[in-house]
Amino acid sequence: MGQSHVSETLLNALKNDRLPHALLFTGPRGTGKTSSARILAKSLRCPNAKDFIPCGKCSECEDIASGRAVNVIEIDGASNNGVDAIRELRDSVGYMPSTGKYKVYIIDEVHMLSGSAFNALLKTLEEPPPHVIFIMATTEVQKIPNTILSRCQRYDFRRIATRLIADHLKTICAQEGIKADNEAIWIIARQGDGSMRDSQSLLDQAISFSNGALTQKKVTEVLGLTDRGLIVDSVIALVNRDQKLITDIIERLFNSGYDPIIYMRDLLEELRHVMVLKVAPDKSEGLVDLAAEEIEHLKKISTDLSAEDIHLLFDMALKGSADLHKAQEPRVVLEMVLLRMSVAPRIQSLMNMQFTVGASAPTAGSQAPTRAQINSASTHPQSSGRTSLQNMAPSAPASTGSPAISSDEAKWLDLVDKIKKVNGVVAAKVEHMHVLKLTTDTLELGIPEQYKFLTAQVNDAAFKKKMANYVTTFWGVNLAVTFKEIAAQKSDTKSANQLTQKKTADDKQKLQDEVENHPLVKSAKNIFSTQITSIKESQK
C-alpha cells in the first residue's frame, strides 16, 4: 500500500522476465518491505497466478503468508547474523525447489549480519543458481557493505501517506464492526508517522482502551496527545492576536496535563500547514495530510494572514520549541512564548511605518521637511541690493543639526554643493578647502598642505573671478575670494568634503536612533531579543 512505484516496477520485471536474482528493499519501518517480499514470492510460486497476480487462496499462498512454505525461506538477520547461518544458507541454495520453478530466500533486517556473514553471502550473490531469488529487507541501508549493494537491485520504500493509512484503518474498523469517528481515525493515522504497522498497533491500543466507539477525546487521552481543537484554537488566537484567548488556552493546556513539548511540536506542524495552504492552495491534498474539512478550515484561517506573518509566527514558535527542550520550567517558557507571539506586530504594520527624520518624537504618518524647503532662502537670492551675511544660506545647519559645524562652514558646504551642479571641475578644486574667514567683504579659503599643488591654479585671476561670480550668483553678495596655504593638522575647521562625510554620518545616526526609538521597533526588539542593523550592515 502506498508503494506503487515499487509494485509496478516489479510487475513489469516479472512480465518481461527481467527479475534480478537479488533484490534489496529499504525504507522506514512499517512501510511494507517484508509484506512486499512475501507478495513477490507468491507471484513467483502461485500456481493460479494470472499475469503474476497471486490468487491468495491456494495452499502455496497461504503457506507463504503464514511463514511455513518449504520453498520460501525467511531468515531473521537480527537473530541469525553469524557466519554459520549464512554458510548453511549457501549450502542449501544449490538444491532445486521441491515444487515450482523458484526457491525464494527472504532475509529481514539484513543490515544486522556480521562482516563475516556478509563475506560468506557475497560468493552466492556473485554466482547465484538460476532457481534462487534473494529478497533482502532493511531499515538501515547505510550499514550494508558496498560489495553487497552493487550486486542487488535496490527498491526504496516511502512513508505511507496519512490519507491512505486513515482509509485502511477505516476498513479495518468496518470489518471488525467498530464504530469510529473520522477525527479519531485521522489522529491515529498521523501518529503512525507513515508506518502502517505502527498505526495498526495504535488502533488496537485505542480499541482496547475505548471498549466501544472510538472518539477523538478517547484517542487523544489514550495516546497522550494534544487535543486537535486546542491546536486549532491556538492558531486562531495567534492570527487574531487575541491575548485573552491565549490565556484561556494556556489554562486549558495545563489543566488537561498536556506535554508542552508535544503541544509546541503540534503547533509548529499546524503553522506549517497554514503556510502551505497559503502559498499553494491548489496542491493541498498532496502537501497536507489532513482531513478535507480540516484543510478547508485552515484555508480560511490562512486568508487572514500574509505569508510573512505566518513565517514570523513559525519562527517564533520554532525558537520557543528549542527553548522548551532545555528549560527547567517548560510551562513558564511555553506561557511566555505564546504571550509573546500573541503581541507580535504584524509584518505589514512594520513595512508601513513612516519615520519622521529630524523630529524629536516620531509619529506614524508625519512628514519630515524636505531639504528644498529648508534651503528655499538660499536657492532664491535677492534680485538686487546687498544681502547680509546672516541671511546667506542658513539652511545647512538645520539640515545637519550638528553644533560642531559652524555657520560659516555650513554656508561654504551649501555653496560647494551648488557649484558641483554647474561646474564639477571648479568644485573638485575647492571642495577640500577650509573656510578661514567670512566677512561682509571677503571669503578667505585655506588650502591644506596635501593640496598645495592647487595654489597656483586657484590664485589665477580668471579662477578668482569665476569663484567671485559663483558667490554672487548663489549668495547674492559681492565678495573678494582669496586663498591661503594651511597646515591640515593645525586647522580647526573642516573642508566641504569632510563636512559632507560628517553630515552623512550624523544623518545616519539620527535615523538609526529614531528607528530604534519607534514604538513598533521597540516591540519587535523585545519580542526577538535582538538589535536593529542597517541593510548594508546585515549584508556584510
Protein backbone atom coordinates (compact mmCIF):
# COMPACT_ATOMS: atom_id res chain seq x y z
CA MET A 1 0.00 0.00 0.00
CA GLY A 2 1.34 3.38 -0.99
CA GLN A 3 4.33 1.84 -2.81
CA SER A 4 3.01 1.80 -6.37
CA HIS A 5 6.43 2.80 -7.74
CA VAL A 6 7.82 -0.49 -6.38
CA SER A 7 4.92 -2.78 -7.26
CA GLU A 8 4.65 -1.53 -10.84
CA THR A 9 8.38 -1.90 -11.44
CA LEU A 10 8.43 -5.45 -10.08
CA LEU A 11 5.33 -6.45 -12.05
CA ASN A 12 6.88 -5.19 -15.28
CA ALA A 13 10.11 -7.04 -14.48
CA LEU A 14 8.15 -10.27 -13.98
CA LYS A 15 6.22 -9.85 -17.22
CA ASN A 16 9.40 -9.19 -19.20
CA ASP A 17 11.36 -11.96 -17.46
CA ARG A 18 13.88 -9.41 -16.17
CA LEU A 19 13.61 -10.02 -12.44
CA PRO A 20 17.10 -9.91 -10.85
CA HIS A 21 18.30 -12.70 -8.57
CA ALA A 22 18.99 -10.31 -5.69
CA LEU A 23 16.68 -7.50 -4.58
CA LEU A 24 17.08 -5.05 -1.72
CA PHE A 25 14.02 -3.42 -0.13
CA THR A 26 14.92 -0.43 2.02
CA GLY A 27 12.85 2.20 3.80
CA PRO A 28 11.30 3.27 7.13
CA ARG A 29 9.74 0.69 9.43
CA GLY A 30 6.20 -0.43 8.79
CA THR A 31 6.10 0.58 5.12
CA GLY A 32 5.56 -2.92 3.72
CA LYS A 33 9.02 -4.23 2.89
CA THR A 34 8.59 -7.75 4.29
CA SER A 35 4.96 -7.93 3.15
CA SER A 36 6.04 -6.95 -0.37
CA ALA A 37 8.73 -9.64 -0.29
CA ARG A 38 6.08 -12.27 0.56
CA ILE A 39 3.76 -10.99 -2.17
CA LEU A 40 6.61 -11.24 -4.68
CA ALA A 41 7.28 -14.78 -3.51
CA LYS A 42 3.58 -15.60 -4.06
CA SER A 43 3.77 -14.09 -7.56
CA LEU A 44 6.68 -16.41 -8.36
CA ARG A 45 5.19 -19.58 -6.86
CA CYS A 46 1.39 -19.30 -7.01
CA PRO A 47 0.11 -21.93 -9.47
CA ASN A 48 -3.07 -19.94 -10.08
CA ALA A 49 -1.38 -16.56 -10.69
CA LYS A 50 -2.70 -14.56 -13.65
CA ASP A 51 -0.22 -12.10 -15.08
CA PHE A 52 1.81 -12.72 -11.92
CA ILE A 53 -1.06 -11.63 -9.67
CA PRO A 54 -1.33 -14.35 -6.97
CA CYS A 55 -4.71 -15.73 -6.05
CA GLY A 56 -4.05 -15.55 -2.31
CA LYS A 57 -6.27 -18.58 -1.67
CA CYS A 58 -4.24 -21.61 -2.71
CA SER A 59 -2.18 -23.67 -0.28
CA GLU A 60 1.05 -22.16 -1.60
CA CYS A 61 -0.16 -18.57 -0.99
CA GLU A 62 -1.47 -19.47 2.46
CA ASP A 63 1.78 -21.22 3.44
CA ILE A 64 3.85 -18.21 2.33
CA ALA A 65 1.59 -15.81 4.23
CA SER A 66 1.90 -17.89 7.41
CA GLY A 67 5.69 -18.37 7.02
CA ARG A 68 5.62 -22.19 6.72
CA ALA A 69 6.33 -22.55 2.98
CA VAL A 70 9.10 -25.06 2.29
CA ASN A 71 10.46 -23.26 -0.73
CA VAL A 72 10.20 -19.72 0.69
CA ILE A 73 12.74 -19.44 3.49
CA GLU A 74 12.55 -16.44 5.78
CA ILE A 75 15.68 -15.58 7.78
CA ASP A 76 15.82 -13.01 10.58
CA GLY A 77 19.09 -11.17 10.14
CA ALA A 78 18.97 -9.91 13.72
CA SER A 79 18.93 -13.37 15.36
CA ASN A 80 20.81 -15.29 12.64
CA ASN A 81 23.58 -12.82 11.99
CA GLY A 82 26.55 -15.18 12.32
CA VAL A 83 28.64 -16.68 9.57
CA ASP A 84 27.42 -20.21 10.34
CA ALA A 85 23.82 -19.35 9.46
CA ILE A 86 24.87 -17.87 6.12
CA ARG A 87 27.13 -20.83 5.36
CA GLU A 88 24.15 -23.13 5.94
CA LEU A 89 22.13 -20.96 3.56
CA ARG A 90 24.94 -21.09 0.99
CA ASP A 91 25.00 -24.89 1.17
CA SER A 92 21.24 -25.19 0.67
CA VAL A 93 20.83 -22.85 -2.31
CA GLY A 94 22.18 -25.47 -4.68
CA TYR A 95 19.19 -27.74 -4.14
CA MET A 96 16.27 -27.34 -6.51
CA PRO A 97 12.86 -26.36 -5.10
CA SER A 98 10.62 -29.31 -4.25
CA THR A 99 7.88 -27.81 -6.39
CA GLY A 100 7.66 -24.90 -8.78
CA LYS A 101 10.39 -23.04 -10.55
CA TYR A 102 11.91 -20.80 -7.86
CA LYS A 103 13.25 -21.05 -4.33
CA VAL A 104 12.98 -17.69 -2.54
CA TYR A 105 15.11 -16.52 0.39
CA ILE A 106 13.82 -13.54 2.36
CA ILE A 107 16.44 -12.04 4.70
CA ASP A 108 14.85 -9.50 7.05
CA GLU A 109 16.97 -6.85 8.83
CA VAL A 110 19.89 -7.82 6.62
CA HIS A 111 22.00 -4.94 7.94
CA MET A 112 22.38 -6.89 11.22
CA LEU A 113 24.59 -9.53 9.59
CA SER A 114 28.21 -9.61 10.72
CA GLY A 115 31.10 -8.79 8.42
CA SER A 116 31.98 -12.46 8.11
CA ALA A 117 28.37 -13.32 7.28
CA PHE A 118 28.31 -10.71 4.52
CA ASN A 119 31.51 -12.13 3.10
CA ALA A 120 30.01 -15.62 3.11
CA LEU A 121 26.89 -14.30 1.34
CA LEU A 122 28.89 -12.43 -1.27
CA LYS A 123 30.01 -15.50 -3.24
CA THR A 124 26.42 -16.74 -3.58
CA LEU A 125 25.24 -13.32 -4.77
CA GLU A 126 28.05 -13.22 -7.36
CA GLU A 127 27.10 -16.58 -8.92
CA PRO A 128 23.52 -17.39 -7.85
CA PRO A 129 21.83 -20.58 -9.09
CA PRO A 130 19.16 -19.77 -11.69
CA HIS A 131 16.37 -21.09 -9.48
CA VAL A 132 17.18 -18.86 -6.45
CA ILE A 133 15.81 -15.37 -5.71
CA PHE A 134 17.19 -13.36 -2.78
CA ILE A 135 15.00 -10.63 -1.29
CA MET A 136 16.68 -8.61 1.46
CA ALA A 137 14.92 -6.00 3.62
CA THR A 138 16.47 -3.32 5.81
CA THR A 139 15.74 -0.03 7.54
CA GLU A 140 19.43 0.97 7.63
CA VAL A 141 20.83 0.57 4.15
CA GLN A 142 23.93 2.59 5.04
CA LYS A 143 25.19 -0.36 7.14
CA ILE A 144 25.29 -2.77 4.21
CA PRO A 145 28.71 -3.15 2.51
CA ASN A 146 29.03 -1.70 -0.97
CA THR A 147 30.12 -5.09 -2.30
CA ILE A 148 26.65 -6.42 -1.41
CA LEU A 149 24.79 -3.31 -2.60
CA SER A 150 26.44 -3.46 -6.03
CA ARG A 151 25.03 -6.95 -6.60
CA CYS A 152 21.43 -6.08 -5.67
CA GLN A 153 18.67 -4.18 -7.40
CA ARG A 154 17.54 -1.59 -4.86
CA TYR A 155 13.96 -0.51 -4.19
CA ASP A 156 13.30 2.39 -1.82
CA PHE A 157 10.04 2.30 0.13
CA ARG A 158 8.48 5.62 1.16
CA ARG A 159 6.46 6.59 4.19
CA ILE A 160 2.81 5.83 3.55
CA ALA A 161 0.55 8.87 3.14
CA THR A 162 -1.60 9.59 6.18
CA ARG A 163 -4.67 9.62 3.95
CA LEU A 164 -4.01 6.06 2.79
CA ILE A 165 -3.39 4.88 6.34
CA ALA A 166 -6.62 6.51 7.53
CA ASP A 167 -8.60 4.82 4.76
CA HIS A 168 -7.12 1.43 5.64
CA LEU A 169 -7.85 1.90 9.35
CA LYS A 170 -11.46 2.74 8.48
CA THR A 171 -11.66 -0.50 6.52
CA ILE A 172 -10.33 -2.46 9.50
CA CYS A 173 -12.86 -0.85 11.82
CA ALA A 174 -15.67 -1.61 9.41
CA GLN A 175 -14.61 -5.25 9.15
CA GLU A 176 -14.38 -5.56 12.92
CA GLY A 177 -17.69 -3.81 13.48
CA ILE A 178 -16.14 -0.97 15.45
CA LYS A 179 -17.68 2.50 15.25
CA ALA A 180 -15.01 5.17 14.90
CA ASP A 181 -15.16 8.94 14.39
CA ASN A 182 -13.31 10.30 11.38
CA GLU A 183 -11.29 12.63 13.63
CA ALA A 184 -10.20 9.71 15.82
CA ILE A 185 -9.01 7.69 12.82
CA TRP A 186 -7.01 10.65 11.49
CA ILE A 187 -5.34 11.19 14.85
CA ILE A 188 -4.17 7.57 14.90
CA ALA A 189 -3.02 7.72 11.28
CA ARG A 190 -0.99 10.88 11.87
CA GLN A 191 0.59 9.40 14.97
CA GLY A 192 1.72 6.40 12.93
CA ASP A 193 4.12 8.72 11.08
CA GLY A 194 3.89 6.93 7.75
CA SER A 195 4.11 3.41 9.24
CA MET A 196 1.12 1.15 8.65
CA ARG A 197 2.30 -1.32 11.27
CA ASP A 198 2.63 1.37 13.94
CA SER A 199 -0.77 2.79 13.01
CA GLN A 200 -2.41 -0.62 13.33
CA SER A 201 -0.78 -1.13 16.73
CA LEU A 202 -2.09 2.24 17.90
CA LEU A 203 -5.55 1.40 16.58
CA ASP A 204 -5.54 -1.85 18.53
CA GLN A 205 -4.45 0.02 21.65
CA ALA A 206 -7.19 2.63 21.23
CA ILE A 207 -9.85 -0.05 20.67
CA SER A 208 -8.79 -1.85 23.86
CA PHE A 209 -8.94 1.37 25.85
CA SER A 210 -12.24 2.60 24.46
CA ASN A 211 -14.14 -0.67 24.87
CA GLY A 212 -16.62 0.67 22.35
CA ALA A 213 -16.75 3.51 19.84
CA LEU A 214 -13.54 5.38 19.04
CA THR A 215 -13.88 9.11 19.69
CA GLN A 216 -11.44 11.96 19.32
CA LYS A 217 -11.40 12.53 23.08
CA LYS A 218 -10.68 8.88 23.92
CA VAL A 219 -7.94 8.52 21.32
CA THR A 220 -6.28 11.75 22.44
CA GLU A 221 -6.38 10.58 26.04
CA VAL A 222 -5.03 7.06 25.47
CA LEU A 223 -2.20 8.24 23.19
CA GLY A 224 -1.27 11.22 25.38
CA LEU A 225 -1.67 13.69 22.55
CA THR A 226 -2.73 17.31 22.33
CA ASP A 227 -6.40 17.91 21.55
CA ARG A 228 -6.71 18.98 17.90
CA GLY A 229 -9.31 21.54 18.91
CA LEU A 230 -6.79 23.15 21.24
CA ILE A 231 -4.24 23.44 18.43
CA VAL A 232 -6.75 25.00 16.02
CA ASP A 233 -7.93 27.43 18.70
CA SER A 234 -4.30 28.37 19.34
CA VAL A 235 -3.71 29.22 15.69
CA ILE A 236 -6.91 31.30 15.59
CA ALA A 237 -5.86 33.20 18.73
CA LEU A 238 -2.41 33.92 17.29
CA VAL A 239 -3.84 35.03 13.95
CA ASN A 240 -6.18 37.46 15.71
CA ARG A 241 -3.53 38.48 18.28
CA ASP A 242 -6.12 37.60 20.95
CA GLN A 243 -4.30 37.65 24.30
CA LYS A 244 -7.41 36.74 26.29
CA LEU A 245 -8.00 33.61 24.22
CA ILE A 246 -4.32 32.69 24.53
CA THR A 247 -4.52 32.86 28.33
CA ASP A 248 -7.61 30.62 28.20
CA ILE A 249 -5.70 28.15 26.00
CA ILE A 250 -2.77 28.12 28.42
CA GLU A 251 -5.17 27.31 31.24
CA ARG A 252 -6.82 24.51 29.24
CA LEU A 253 -3.41 23.21 28.21
CA PHE A 254 -2.09 22.70 31.72
CA ASN A 255 -5.39 21.70 33.33
CA SER A 256 -5.51 18.83 30.84
CA GLY A 257 -1.92 17.82 31.64
CA TYR A 258 -0.63 18.05 28.06
CA ASP A 259 3.12 17.89 27.49
CA PRO A 260 4.38 21.40 26.49
CA ILE A 261 6.93 19.92 24.06
CA ILE A 262 4.30 17.81 22.28
CA TYR A 263 1.96 20.80 22.15
CA MET A 264 4.62 23.03 20.59
CA ARG A 265 5.53 20.34 18.06
CA ASP A 266 1.87 20.08 17.02
CA LEU A 267 1.57 23.88 16.84
CA LEU A 268 4.60 24.07 14.55
CA GLU A 269 3.09 21.43 12.28
CA GLU A 270 -0.22 23.31 12.17
CA LEU A 271 1.53 26.59 11.26
CA ARG A 272 3.36 24.71 8.54
CA HIS A 273 0.02 23.52 7.17
CA VAL A 274 -1.33 27.09 7.22
CA MET A 275 1.75 28.30 5.31
CA VAL A 276 1.47 25.59 2.65
CA LEU A 277 -2.23 26.27 2.18
CA LYS A 278 -1.47 29.98 1.89
CA VAL A 279 1.11 29.67 -0.88
CA ALA A 280 -0.22 26.57 -2.67
CA PRO A 281 -3.95 26.14 -2.00
CA ASP A 282 -4.42 24.17 -5.22
CA LYS A 283 -1.94 21.48 -4.06
CA SER A 284 -3.40 21.00 -0.60
CA GLU A 285 -4.18 17.28 -0.88
CA GLY A 286 -0.67 16.38 -1.99
CA LEU A 287 1.16 18.55 0.56
CA VAL A 288 -1.08 18.49 3.65
CA ASP A 289 -2.09 15.16 5.21
CA LEU A 290 -5.30 16.26 6.87
CA ALA A 291 -8.98 15.51 6.53
CA ALA A 292 -10.79 17.54 3.87
CA GLU A 293 -12.83 19.53 6.41
CA GLU A 294 -9.68 20.48 8.35
CA ILE A 295 -7.96 21.61 5.16
CA GLU A 296 -10.86 23.90 4.28
CA HIS A 297 -10.86 25.34 7.80
CA LEU A 298 -7.13 26.11 7.67
CA LYS A 299 -7.53 27.68 4.23
CA LYS A 300 -9.96 30.18 5.73
CA ILE A 301 -7.50 30.93 8.54
CA SER A 302 -4.66 31.48 6.05
CA THR A 303 -6.61 34.18 4.20
CA ASP A 304 -6.41 36.45 7.25
CA LEU A 305 -2.59 36.41 7.26
CA SER A 306 0.18 37.36 4.88
CA ALA A 307 2.89 34.82 4.14
CA GLU A 308 5.34 36.99 6.08
CA ASP A 309 3.11 36.95 9.16
CA ILE A 310 2.94 33.15 9.06
CA HIS A 311 6.74 32.98 8.72
CA LEU A 312 7.05 35.24 11.76
CA LEU A 313 4.76 33.07 13.90
CA PHE A 314 6.53 29.90 12.76
CA ASP A 315 10.00 31.31 13.52
CA MET A 316 8.88 32.42 16.98
CA ALA A 317 7.33 29.01 17.68
CA LEU A 318 10.48 27.27 16.42
CA LYS A 319 12.69 29.32 18.74
CA GLY A 320 10.27 28.66 21.58
CA SER A 321 10.39 24.93 20.89
CA ALA A 322 14.18 24.97 21.14
CA ASP A 323 13.96 26.84 24.44
CA LEU A 324 11.46 24.31 25.81
CA HIS A 325 13.86 21.41 25.35
CA LYS A 326 16.47 22.99 27.59
CA ALA A 327 14.16 24.73 30.09
CA GLN A 328 13.92 23.67 33.73
CA GLU A 329 10.35 25.00 33.84
CA PRO A 330 8.80 24.22 30.41
CA ARG A 331 5.39 25.51 31.48
CA VAL A 332 6.69 29.00 32.23
CA VAL A 333 8.64 29.12 28.98
CA LEU A 334 5.62 27.99 26.96
CA GLU A 335 3.42 30.64 28.58
CA MET A 336 5.89 33.37 27.70
CA VAL A 337 6.32 32.09 24.14
CA LEU A 338 2.57 32.10 23.48
CA LEU A 339 2.06 35.52 25.06
CA ARG A 340 4.97 36.94 23.08
CA MET A 341 3.50 35.53 19.86
CA SER A 342 0.09 36.99 20.70
CA VAL A 343 1.50 40.55 20.82
CA ALA A 344 3.87 40.23 17.87
CA PRO A 345 3.46 43.13 15.43
CA ARG A 346 2.09 42.27 12.02
CA ILE A 347 4.74 42.46 9.31
CA GLN A 348 2.55 44.75 7.20
CA SER A 349 2.45 47.24 10.08
CA LEU A 350 6.25 47.27 10.25
CA MET A 351 6.51 47.72 6.47
CA ASN A 352 4.08 50.64 6.53
CA MET A 353 5.91 52.55 9.26
CA GLN A 354 6.92 56.12 8.34
CA PHE A 355 9.69 57.55 10.43
CA THR A 356 9.93 61.29 10.97
CA VAL A 357 13.50 62.31 10.25
CA GLY A 358 14.79 65.23 12.28
CA ALA A 359 11.81 65.34 14.68
CA SER A 360 12.14 64.92 18.41
CA ALA A 361 9.23 62.47 18.65
CA PRO A 362 8.46 60.35 15.56
CA THR A 363 4.81 59.73 14.80
CA ALA A 364 3.27 57.45 12.19
CA GLY A 365 2.25 59.30 9.04
CA SER A 366 4.16 62.52 9.78
CA GLN A 367 6.32 64.06 7.07
CA ALA A 368 9.80 65.43 7.53
CA PRO A 369 10.57 68.83 5.97
CA THR A 370 12.40 68.44 2.70
CA ARG A 371 15.86 69.86 2.02
CA ALA A 372 14.34 72.01 -0.70
CA GLN A 373 12.03 73.62 1.82
CA ILE A 374 14.88 74.26 4.24
CA ASN A 375 17.10 75.71 1.54
CA SER A 376 14.44 77.91 -0.08
CA ALA A 377 16.03 81.11 1.19
CA SER A 378 19.45 80.32 -0.29
CA THR A 379 18.16 79.00 -3.64
CA HIS A 380 16.30 82.22 -4.35
CA PRO A 381 18.77 85.10 -3.80
CA GLN A 382 17.54 88.67 -3.82
CA SER A 383 17.43 90.18 -7.28
CA SER A 384 19.18 93.39 -6.26
CA GLY A 385 20.91 95.07 -3.36
CA ARG A 386 23.35 93.64 -0.84
CA THR A 387 22.30 90.69 1.32
CA SER A 388 23.59 90.47 4.88
CA LEU A 389 25.81 87.51 5.74
CA GLN A 390 23.36 86.48 8.50
CA ASN A 391 20.75 85.67 5.81
CA MET A 392 23.09 83.81 3.46
CA ALA A 393 22.37 80.03 3.06
CA PRO A 394 21.20 79.42 6.61
CA SER A 395 19.79 76.00 5.67
CA ALA A 396 22.81 73.73 6.19
CA PRO A 397 22.94 73.92 9.99
CA ALA A 398 19.24 73.00 10.11
CA SER A 399 19.77 70.03 7.79
CA THR A 400 22.86 68.76 9.57
CA GLY A 401 21.67 69.66 13.08
CA SER A 402 25.22 69.38 14.43
CA PRO A 403 26.66 72.10 16.70
CA ALA A 404 30.17 71.02 15.65
CA ILE A 405 29.61 72.64 12.23
CA SER A 406 29.87 76.42 12.32
CA SER A 407 27.55 78.65 10.36
CA ASP A 408 30.40 79.70 8.05
CA GLU A 409 31.23 76.06 7.29
CA ALA A 410 27.60 75.30 6.66
CA LYS A 411 27.33 78.18 4.19
CA TRP A 412 30.53 77.01 2.49
CA LEU A 413 29.19 73.45 2.15
CA ASP A 414 26.00 74.80 0.61
CA LEU A 415 27.99 76.88 -1.90
CA VAL A 416 30.18 73.92 -2.96
CA ASP A 417 27.08 71.77 -3.47
CA LYS A 418 25.65 74.36 -5.84
CA ILE A 419 28.93 74.78 -7.75
CA LYS A 420 29.07 70.98 -8.28
CA LYS A 421 25.81 71.13 -10.19
CA VAL A 422 27.12 73.64 -12.73
CA ASN A 423 30.91 73.15 -12.84
CA GLY A 424 32.37 69.93 -11.48
CA VAL A 425 35.98 70.95 -12.28
CA VAL A 426 35.85 74.08 -10.12
CA ALA A 427 34.05 72.21 -7.34
CA ALA A 428 36.71 69.46 -7.36
CA LYS A 429 39.41 72.09 -6.75
CA VAL A 430 37.70 73.85 -3.85
CA GLU A 431 35.81 71.05 -2.03
CA HIS A 432 38.90 70.18 0.03
CA MET A 433 39.49 73.80 1.12
CA HIS A 434 38.57 75.24 4.52
CA VAL A 435 36.76 78.48 5.30
CA LEU A 436 39.26 80.61 7.25
CA LYS A 437 37.35 83.89 7.22
CA LEU A 438 33.96 85.06 6.00
CA THR A 439 33.12 88.75 6.35
CA THR A 440 30.91 91.21 4.55
CA ASP A 441 33.74 91.85 2.06
CA THR A 442 35.96 88.73 1.94
CA LEU A 443 35.83 84.94 1.65
CA GLU A 444 39.23 83.51 2.64
CA LEU A 445 39.78 79.83 1.87
CA GLY A 446 42.57 77.64 3.27
CA ILE A 447 44.45 75.19 1.05
CA PRO A 448 45.57 72.09 3.07
CA GLU A 449 49.22 71.13 2.73
CA GLN A 450 48.46 67.95 0.72
CA TYR A 451 46.61 70.06 -1.88
CA LYS A 452 49.17 72.86 -2.18
CA PHE A 453 49.70 71.94 -5.84
CA LEU A 454 46.42 73.80 -6.43
CA THR A 455 47.78 77.09 -5.07
CA ALA A 456 48.97 78.43 -8.41
CA GLN A 457 45.77 77.36 -10.20
CA VAL A 458 43.31 78.95 -7.76
CA ASN A 459 45.32 82.16 -7.42
CA ASP A 460 44.98 82.72 -11.15
CA ALA A 461 42.97 85.89 -11.80
CA ALA A 462 40.48 84.10 -14.05
CA PHE A 463 39.79 81.43 -11.44
CA LYS A 464 39.30 84.03 -8.69
CA LYS A 465 36.88 85.92 -10.90
CA LYS A 466 34.95 82.72 -11.63
CA MET A 467 34.69 81.97 -7.89
CA ALA A 468 33.52 85.54 -7.17
CA ASN A 469 30.83 85.13 -9.83
CA TYR A 470 29.59 81.92 -8.20
CA VAL A 471 29.41 83.66 -4.82
CA THR A 472 27.40 86.49 -6.34
CA THR A 473 25.12 84.09 -8.21
CA PHE A 474 24.34 81.74 -5.35
CA TRP A 475 24.67 84.03 -2.32
CA GLY A 476 23.57 87.31 -3.89
CA VAL A 477 26.56 89.24 -2.46
CA ASN A 478 29.83 90.60 -3.87
CA LEU A 479 32.87 89.19 -2.06
CA ALA A 480 36.58 89.08 -2.79
CA VAL A 481 37.79 85.46 -2.79
CA THR A 482 41.34 84.81 -1.53
CA PHE A 483 43.36 81.63 -0.94
CA LYS A 484 45.99 80.74 1.68
CA GLU A 485 48.04 77.59 2.32
CA ILE A 486 47.50 75.98 5.76
CA ALA A 487 48.80 73.03 7.72
CA ALA A 488 45.96 70.49 7.72
CA GLN A 489 46.80 69.09 11.15
CA LYS A 490 46.57 72.55 12.73
CA SER A 491 43.27 73.53 11.17
CA ASP A 492 40.25 73.73 13.48
CA THR A 493 37.87 73.90 10.52
CA LYS A 494 36.61 71.31 8.03
CA SER A 495 36.55 71.19 4.26
CA ALA A 496 33.35 70.79 2.29
CA ASN A 497 34.25 67.15 1.65
CA GLN A 498 34.78 66.50 5.36
CA LEU A 499 31.56 68.33 6.19
CA THR A 500 29.65 66.11 3.73
CA GLN A 501 31.02 62.97 5.36
CA LYS A 502 30.14 64.25 8.79
CA LYS A 503 26.64 65.22 7.68
CA THR A 504 26.08 61.74 6.21
CA ALA A 505 27.26 60.09 9.44
CA ASP A 506 25.10 62.41 11.57
CA ASP A 507 22.02 61.77 9.43
CA LYS A 508 22.57 58.02 9.56
CA GLN A 509 22.93 58.07 13.34
CA LYS A 510 19.87 60.28 13.72
CA LEU A 511 17.79 57.93 11.59
CA GLN A 512 19.14 54.90 13.47
CA ASP A 513 18.18 56.50 16.80
CA GLU A 514 14.71 57.36 15.59
CA VAL A 515 14.15 53.87 14.16
CA GLU A 516 15.25 52.21 17.39
CA ASN A 517 13.04 54.53 19.45
CA HIS A 518 9.94 53.86 17.36
CA PRO A 519 7.28 52.01 19.42
CA LEU A 520 6.82 49.22 16.86
CA VAL A 521 10.56 48.62 16.58
CA LYS A 522 10.90 48.57 20.36
CA SER A 523 8.17 45.97 20.44
CA ALA A 524 9.94 43.85 17.82
CA LYS A 525 13.25 44.12 19.71
CA ASN A 526 11.59 42.96 22.93
CA ILE A 527 9.92 40.05 21.16
CA PHE A 528 13.01 38.80 19.34
CA SER A 529 15.62 39.97 21.89
CA THR A 530 17.75 41.38 19.08
CA GLN A 531 19.29 44.60 17.75
CA ILE A 532 18.39 46.65 14.69
CA THR A 533 21.04 46.89 11.96
CA SER A 534 21.03 48.66 8.64
CA ILE A 535 20.54 46.74 5.41
CA LYS A 536 24.14 47.38 4.30
CA GLU A 537 25.48 46.16 7.64
CA SER A 538 23.38 42.99 7.52
CA GLN A 539 24.74 42.17 4.06
CA LYS A 540 28.39 42.30 5.10
